[in-house]
């Protein structure tokens, strides 16, 4: 996803677009830095300062992107994001890499598992969690083209070729979920956000071979949230599973629950949340190992869905 973001900047750059990095991105932004030296600034390991500099540049009419590891340019900078950027509704996009458990082996200090919840809670901040490079590119392109305001873009690892096809992207729009697979029978829906959707697609493939259709949806925008699509899914499908590489508190499943509170004809017992627990990881290992430890691997999710269907 980070390379898709860099490519978007290179192909859609405007004269008032600026990129600030927190002493990382070597290789990813080499071409950008070479071609646009006056629009690239390495602020160093000083994310709070980077955030306030971004606010100053935005007040001067720039569209600013900041870039760092997810917990460093969000958790470390909450006050600056809230007071300097969000309060003034500035054109600053906070772009993070290492979503969820991406930096698994570096320990919980590098795990970004509460970032969506925190950023959602700040007024005036839009929150994006793309599933692949295609969504990343289109989100960044929209920001450059329209000056969408204060926002957060959460990037994780993804397949090089991406999840989407031209067909599934045709209705892309900020704030709207997208079907990746949509089957005629309405037995199971997987509502996903971020790159963990890849596991959701593997689960759908398993059930498809068993003659059970599973629809898979990508919610690349967590705030503002696509309430209309959620209500449609909740009313049409027998079983709904949300899937996210984020704490069960404040992420996708919370956004779903919040959007249907008070709605008539919505049966919340259909809803099942596949998310990380609200806990620090006490084991060490790579992303795949930790995802399995927290019951979000393909095998563990299949076990959970089978149990729900049997019940």
Protein backbone atom coordinates (compact mmCIF):
# COMPACT_ATOMS: atom_id res chain seq x y z
CA UNK A 1 0.00 0.00 0.00
CA UNK A 2 2.83 2.43 0.76
CA UNK A 3 4.11 2.11 -2.80
CA UNK A 4 0.62 2.82 -4.14
CA UNK A 5 0.52 5.92 -1.96
CA UNK A 6 3.93 7.07 -3.25
CA UNK A 7 2.86 6.40 -6.84
CA UNK A 8 -0.30 8.47 -6.34
CA UNK A 9 1.72 11.41 -5.05
CA UNK A 10 4.09 11.23 -8.03
CA UNK A 11 1.27 10.99 -10.60
CA UNK A 12 -1.19 13.50 -9.13
CA UNK A 13 1.00 16.02 -7.35
CA UNK A 14 -0.09 19.65 -7.28
CA UNK A 15 2.21 22.57 -6.63
CA UNK A 16 0.78 23.12 -3.15
CA UNK A 17 1.11 19.47 -2.00
CA UNK A 18 3.78 18.75 0.61
CA UNK A 19 5.01 15.47 2.14
CA UNK A 20 6.56 15.33 5.61
CA UNK A 21 8.16 12.10 6.85
CA UNK A 22 9.36 11.03 10.28
CA UNK A 23 12.78 9.72 9.23
CA UNK A 24 11.51 6.72 7.29
CA UNK A 25 10.31 5.85 3.80
CA UNK A 26 13.76 5.24 2.33
CA UNK A 27 13.25 3.58 -1.04
CA UNK A 28 9.54 4.34 -1.08
CA UNK A 29 9.93 8.08 -1.66
CA UNK A 30 13.32 8.21 -3.38
CA UNK A 31 11.82 9.21 -6.73
CA UNK A 32 9.48 11.74 -5.14
CA UNK A 33 12.33 13.28 -3.14
CA UNK A 34 14.51 13.48 -6.26
CA UNK A 35 11.83 14.95 -8.53
CA UNK A 36 10.23 17.31 -6.00
CA UNK A 37 12.92 18.32 -3.49
CA UNK A 38 11.03 21.46 -2.45
CA UNK A 39 7.91 19.46 -1.53
CA UNK A 40 9.58 16.76 0.57
CA UNK A 41 10.80 17.29 4.13
CA UNK A 42 12.33 14.74 6.52
CA UNK A 43 11.45 16.09 9.96
CA UNK A 44 13.33 13.32 11.77
CA UNK A 45 12.21 11.28 14.77
CA UNK A 46 10.00 14.12 16.01
CA UNK A 47 6.43 13.21 15.12
CA UNK A 48 4.77 15.77 17.41
CA UNK A 49 6.84 18.51 15.84
CA UNK A 50 6.06 17.10 12.37
CA UNK A 51 2.34 17.32 13.11
CA UNK A 52 2.54 20.96 14.21
CA UNK A 53 4.70 21.84 11.19
CA UNK A 54 2.04 20.23 8.99
CA UNK A 55 -0.59 22.43 10.65
CA UNK A 56 1.46 25.56 9.96
CA UNK A 57 1.97 24.64 6.32
CA UNK A 58 -1.75 23.91 5.93
CA UNK A 59 -2.61 27.29 7.44
CA UNK A 60 -0.41 28.72 4.70
CA UNK A 61 -2.50 27.05 2.01
CA UNK A 62 -0.67 23.75 1.54
CA UNK A 63 -2.20 20.27 1.30
CA UNK A 64 0.01 18.30 3.65
CA UNK A 65 0.68 14.58 4.09
CA UNK A 66 2.57 13.31 7.14
CA UNK A 67 4.02 9.80 7.04
CA UNK A 68 5.28 7.51 9.79
CA UNK A 69 4.66 4.21 11.58
CA UNK A 70 1.06 4.10 12.78
CA UNK A 71 1.43 4.41 16.52
CA UNK A 72 4.12 7.11 16.20
CA UNK A 73 2.16 9.67 14.17
CA UNK A 74 -1.13 8.97 15.94
CA UNK A 75 -0.77 7.90 19.59
CA UNK A 76 2.28 10.05 20.19
CA UNK A 77 0.65 13.09 18.58
CA UNK A 78 -2.95 13.04 19.79
CA UNK A 79 -2.78 16.53 21.32
CA UNK A 80 -1.23 18.08 18.22
CA UNK A 81 -3.70 16.30 15.93
CA UNK A 82 -6.65 17.39 18.04
CA UNK A 83 -5.65 20.99 18.78
CA UNK A 84 -3.52 22.00 15.80
CA UNK A 85 -5.15 20.10 12.93
CA UNK A 86 -8.67 18.91 13.69
CA UNK A 87 -9.89 22.00 15.54
CA UNK A 88 -8.96 24.18 12.57
CA UNK A 89 -10.22 21.65 9.98
CA UNK A 90 -6.90 21.82 8.15
CA UNK A 91 -5.96 19.99 4.95
CA UNK A 92 -3.61 17.53 6.63
CA UNK A 93 -3.67 13.79 5.90
CA UNK A 94 -1.91 11.65 8.52
CA UNK A 95 -0.67 8.57 6.66
CA UNK A 96 0.52 5.59 8.67
CA UNK A 97 2.18 2.30 7.82
CA UNK A 98 2.28 -0.81 9.98
CA UNK A 99 -1.43 -1.10 10.69
CA UNK A 100 -2.52 -3.62 13.28
CA UNK A 101 0.10 -6.29 13.96
CA UNK A 102 2.24 -5.56 10.89
CA UNK A 103 5.32 -4.93 13.03
CA UNK A 104 4.53 -7.98 15.13
CA UNK A 105 8.02 -9.05 16.12
CA UNK A 106 8.91 -5.57 17.46
CA UNK A 107 6.42 -5.94 20.29
CA UNK A 108 3.34 -4.10 21.48
CA UNK A 109 5.05 -0.68 21.33
CA UNK A 110 4.92 -0.98 17.54
CA UNK A 111 1.45 -2.53 17.28
CA UNK A 112 -1.22 -0.15 15.98
CA UNK A 113 -4.31 -1.69 17.49
CA UNK A 114 -6.09 1.31 19.03
CA UNK A 115 -5.46 3.94 16.36
CA UNK A 116 -8.83 3.79 14.59
CA UNK A 117 -10.68 4.17 17.88
CA UNK A 118 -8.64 7.19 18.92
CA UNK A 119 -8.77 8.94 15.56
CA UNK A 120 -12.52 8.28 15.18
CA UNK A 121 -13.13 9.99 18.49
CA UNK A 122 -11.51 13.28 17.41
CA UNK A 123 -13.99 15.69 15.78
CA UNK A 124 -13.44 16.71 12.13
CA UNK A 125 -11.12 13.77 11.38
CA UNK A 126 -12.06 11.39 8.57
CA UNK A 127 -10.68 7.86 8.98
CA UNK A 128 -9.65 5.62 6.08
CA UNK A 129 -8.57 1.99 6.28
CA UNK A 130 -8.00 0.75 2.69
CA UNK A 131 -7.75 -2.95 1.93
CA UNK A 132 -5.21 -2.71 -0.91
CA UNK A 133 -3.14 -0.43 -3.09
CA UNK A 134 -6.07 0.38 -5.38
CA UNK A 135 -8.16 1.85 -2.57
CA UNK A 136 -5.08 3.60 -1.17
CA UNK A 137 -4.37 5.25 -4.52
CA UNK A 138 -7.95 6.46 -4.99
CA UNK A 139 -8.21 7.83 -1.45
CA UNK A 140 -4.95 9.76 -1.78
CA UNK A 141 -5.93 11.00 -5.26
CA UNK A 142 -9.23 12.31 -3.89
CA UNK A 143 -7.43 14.14 -1.07
CA UNK A 144 -4.97 15.79 -3.48
CA UNK A 145 -7.74 16.76 -5.87
CA UNK A 146 -10.34 18.07 -3.46
CA UNK A 147 -8.61 19.11 -0.24
CA UNK A 148 -10.79 16.80 1.81
CA UNK A 149 -9.73 18.27 5.14
CA UNK A 150 -8.27 16.59 8.21
CA UNK A 151 -7.98 12.83 7.85
CA UNK A 152 -6.15 9.65 8.80
CA UNK A 153 -5.11 6.93 6.33
CA UNK A 154 -4.15 3.58 7.84
CA UNK A 155 -1.96 1.38 5.62
CA UNK A 156 -1.14 -2.27 6.18
CA UNK A 157 0.53 -4.99 4.12
CA UNK A 158 -1.31 -6.13 1.00
CA UNK A 159 -0.97 -8.38 -2.01
CA UNK A 160 1.19 -6.81 -4.69
CA UNK A 161 -1.52 -7.20 -7.31
CA UNK A 162 -4.21 -5.93 -4.97
CA UNK A 163 -7.66 -7.17 -4.00
CA UNK A 164 -9.84 -5.11 -6.30
CA UNK A 165 -10.56 -5.39 -9.99
CA UNK A 166 -11.73 -2.66 -12.33
CA UNK A 167 -15.26 -3.97 -11.88
CA UNK A 168 -15.27 -3.87 -8.07
CA UNK A 169 -13.77 -0.36 -8.06
CA UNK A 170 -16.23 1.21 -10.50
CA UNK A 171 -18.43 2.59 -7.69
CA UNK A 172 -15.58 3.77 -5.46
CA UNK A 173 -16.48 6.80 -3.40
CA UNK A 174 -15.26 8.26 -0.13
CA UNK A 175 -17.59 7.16 2.66
CA UNK A 176 -19.06 4.18 0.78
CA UNK A 177 -18.34 0.49 1.30
CA UNK A 178 -17.57 -1.75 -1.67
CA UNK A 179 -18.57 -5.35 -2.39
CA UNK A 180 -15.60 -7.52 -3.36
CA UNK A 181 -17.72 -10.66 -3.64
CA UNK A 182 -21.51 -10.48 -3.62
CA UNK A 183 -23.39 -13.77 -3.87
CA UNK A 184 -27.08 -14.31 -4.53
CA UNK A 185 -27.82 -16.31 -1.41
CA UNK A 186 -27.83 -14.25 1.76
CA UNK A 187 -26.36 -16.67 4.27
CA UNK A 188 -23.06 -15.09 5.32
CA UNK A 189 -21.58 -11.61 4.92
CA UNK A 190 -18.02 -10.70 5.88
CA UNK A 191 -17.73 -6.97 6.55
CA UNK A 192 -14.03 -6.11 6.51
CA UNK A 193 -11.66 -3.19 6.77
CA UNK A 194 -7.96 -3.04 6.00
CA UNK A 195 -5.60 -5.61 4.54
CA UNK A 196 -6.89 -8.43 6.76
CA UNK A 197 -9.64 -8.72 4.15
CA UNK A 198 -7.25 -11.12 2.39
CA UNK A 199 -7.98 -13.68 5.13
CA UNK A 200 -11.69 -12.99 4.69
CA UNK A 201 -11.41 -13.82 0.99
CA UNK A 202 -9.61 -17.08 1.81
CA UNK A 203 -12.47 -17.95 4.18
CA UNK A 204 -15.00 -17.16 1.44
CA UNK A 205 -13.09 -19.36 -1.01
CA UNK A 206 -13.19 -22.26 1.47
CA UNK A 207 -16.97 -22.02 1.88
CA UNK A 208 -17.50 -21.58 -1.84
CA UNK A 209 -15.87 -24.98 -2.42
CA UNK A 210 -18.38 -26.39 0.07
CA UNK A 211 -21.29 -24.87 -1.84
CA UNK A 212 -21.87 -22.07 0.67
CA UNK A 213 -21.71 -18.56 -0.76
CA UNK A 214 -20.09 -15.81 1.30
CA UNK A 215 -20.28 -12.12 0.40
CA UNK A 216 -17.25 -9.97 1.26
CA UNK A 217 -17.39 -6.19 1.68
CA UNK A 218 -14.57 -3.68 2.07
CA UNK A 219 -15.23 -0.65 4.26
CA UNK A 220 -12.29 1.58 3.38
CA UNK A 221 -13.91 4.54 5.13
CA UNK A 222 -14.60 4.14 8.85
CA UNK A 223 -15.57 7.79 9.38
CA UNK A 224 -17.87 8.92 7.84
CA UNK A 225 -19.40 5.45 7.91
CA UNK A 226 -21.62 3.86 5.28
CA UNK A 227 -24.68 3.36 7.44
CA UNK A 228 -26.90 2.64 4.46
CA UNK A 229 -24.88 -0.34 3.29
CA UNK A 230 -24.59 -1.70 6.84
CA UNK A 231 -28.36 -1.56 7.31
CA UNK A 232 -28.86 -3.32 3.98
CA UNK A 233 -26.45 -6.09 4.98
CA UNK A 234 -27.96 -6.43 8.44
CA UNK A 235 -31.46 -6.81 7.04
CA UNK A 236 -30.63 -9.14 4.14
CA UNK A 237 -28.10 -11.63 5.55
CA UNK A 238 -28.61 -14.41 8.08
CA UNK A 239 -25.12 -14.13 9.60
CA UNK A 240 -22.81 -11.11 9.60
CA UNK A 241 -19.17 -11.20 10.68
CA UNK A 242 -17.07 -8.05 10.94
CA UNK A 243 -13.33 -8.57 10.43
CA UNK A 244 -10.63 -6.10 11.46
CA UNK A 245 -7.01 -6.05 12.63
CA UNK A 246 -7.84 -3.66 15.46
CA UNK A 247 -9.10 -3.72 19.02
CA UNK A 248 -12.71 -4.78 19.40
CA UNK A 249 -13.23 -1.41 21.10
CA UNK A 250 -13.76 1.59 18.86
CA UNK A 251 -13.03 0.06 15.45
CA UNK A 252 -15.16 -1.40 12.67
CA UNK A 253 -17.48 -3.47 14.85
CA UNK A 254 -18.12 -0.45 17.07
CA UNK A 255 -18.91 1.68 14.02
CA UNK A 256 -21.39 -0.96 12.84
CA UNK A 257 -23.07 -1.17 16.24
CA UNK A 258 -23.26 2.61 16.57
CA UNK A 259 -24.81 2.96 13.13
CA UNK A 260 -27.70 0.57 13.80
CA UNK A 261 -28.62 1.65 17.33
CA UNK A 262 -32.27 2.64 17.37
CA UNK A 263 -32.97 1.28 13.90
CA UNK A 264 -36.09 -0.82 13.48
CA UNK A 265 -36.04 -4.31 11.93
CA UNK A 266 -32.35 -4.84 12.76
CA UNK A 267 -31.56 -8.08 14.57
CA UNK A 268 -28.26 -7.53 16.40
CA UNK A 269 -27.97 -11.24 17.28
CA UNK A 270 -26.92 -11.78 13.63
CA UNK A 271 -23.77 -9.76 14.26
CA UNK A 272 -20.45 -11.37 15.21
CA UNK A 273 -17.21 -9.45 15.73
CA UNK A 274 -13.87 -10.88 14.60
CA UNK A 275 -11.37 -8.46 16.10
CA UNK A 276 -8.40 -8.22 18.43
CA UNK A 277 -9.10 -8.28 22.16
CA UNK A 278 -8.55 -5.14 24.20
CA UNK A 279 -5.21 -6.42 25.46
CA UNK A 280 -1.50 -5.96 24.92
CA UNK A 281 0.26 -8.83 23.20
CA UNK A 282 2.25 -10.91 25.67
CA UNK A 283 3.75 -13.14 22.98
CA UNK A 284 6.40 -12.35 20.37
CA UNK A 285 6.33 -13.31 16.72
CA UNK A 286 5.61 -12.10 13.20
CA UNK A 287 2.24 -10.83 12.02
CA UNK A 288 0.93 -14.24 10.95
CA UNK A 289 1.88 -15.80 14.27
CA UNK A 290 0.17 -13.05 16.26
CA UNK A 291 -2.94 -13.08 14.09
CA UNK A 292 -3.29 -16.80 14.80
CA UNK A 293 -2.63 -16.21 18.51
CA UNK A 294 -5.50 -13.73 18.56
CA UNK A 295 -7.84 -16.11 16.68
CA UNK A 296 -7.91 -14.16 13.40
CA UNK A 297 -6.16 -16.68 11.15
CA UNK A 298 -8.12 -18.41 8.40
CA UNK A 299 -8.34 -21.63 10.43
CA UNK A 300 -9.52 -19.89 13.60
CA UNK A 301 -12.11 -17.81 11.74
CA UNK A 302 -13.43 -20.90 9.95
CA UNK A 303 -13.79 -22.59 13.32
CA UNK A 304 -15.72 -19.60 14.69
CA UNK A 305 -18.06 -19.37 11.71
CA UNK A 306 -18.72 -23.13 11.67
CA UNK A 307 -19.58 -23.00 15.37
CA UNK A 308 -22.00 -20.13 14.77
CA UNK A 309 -23.67 -21.94 11.86
CA UNK A 310 -24.04 -25.15 13.88
CA UNK A 311 -25.60 -23.25 16.76
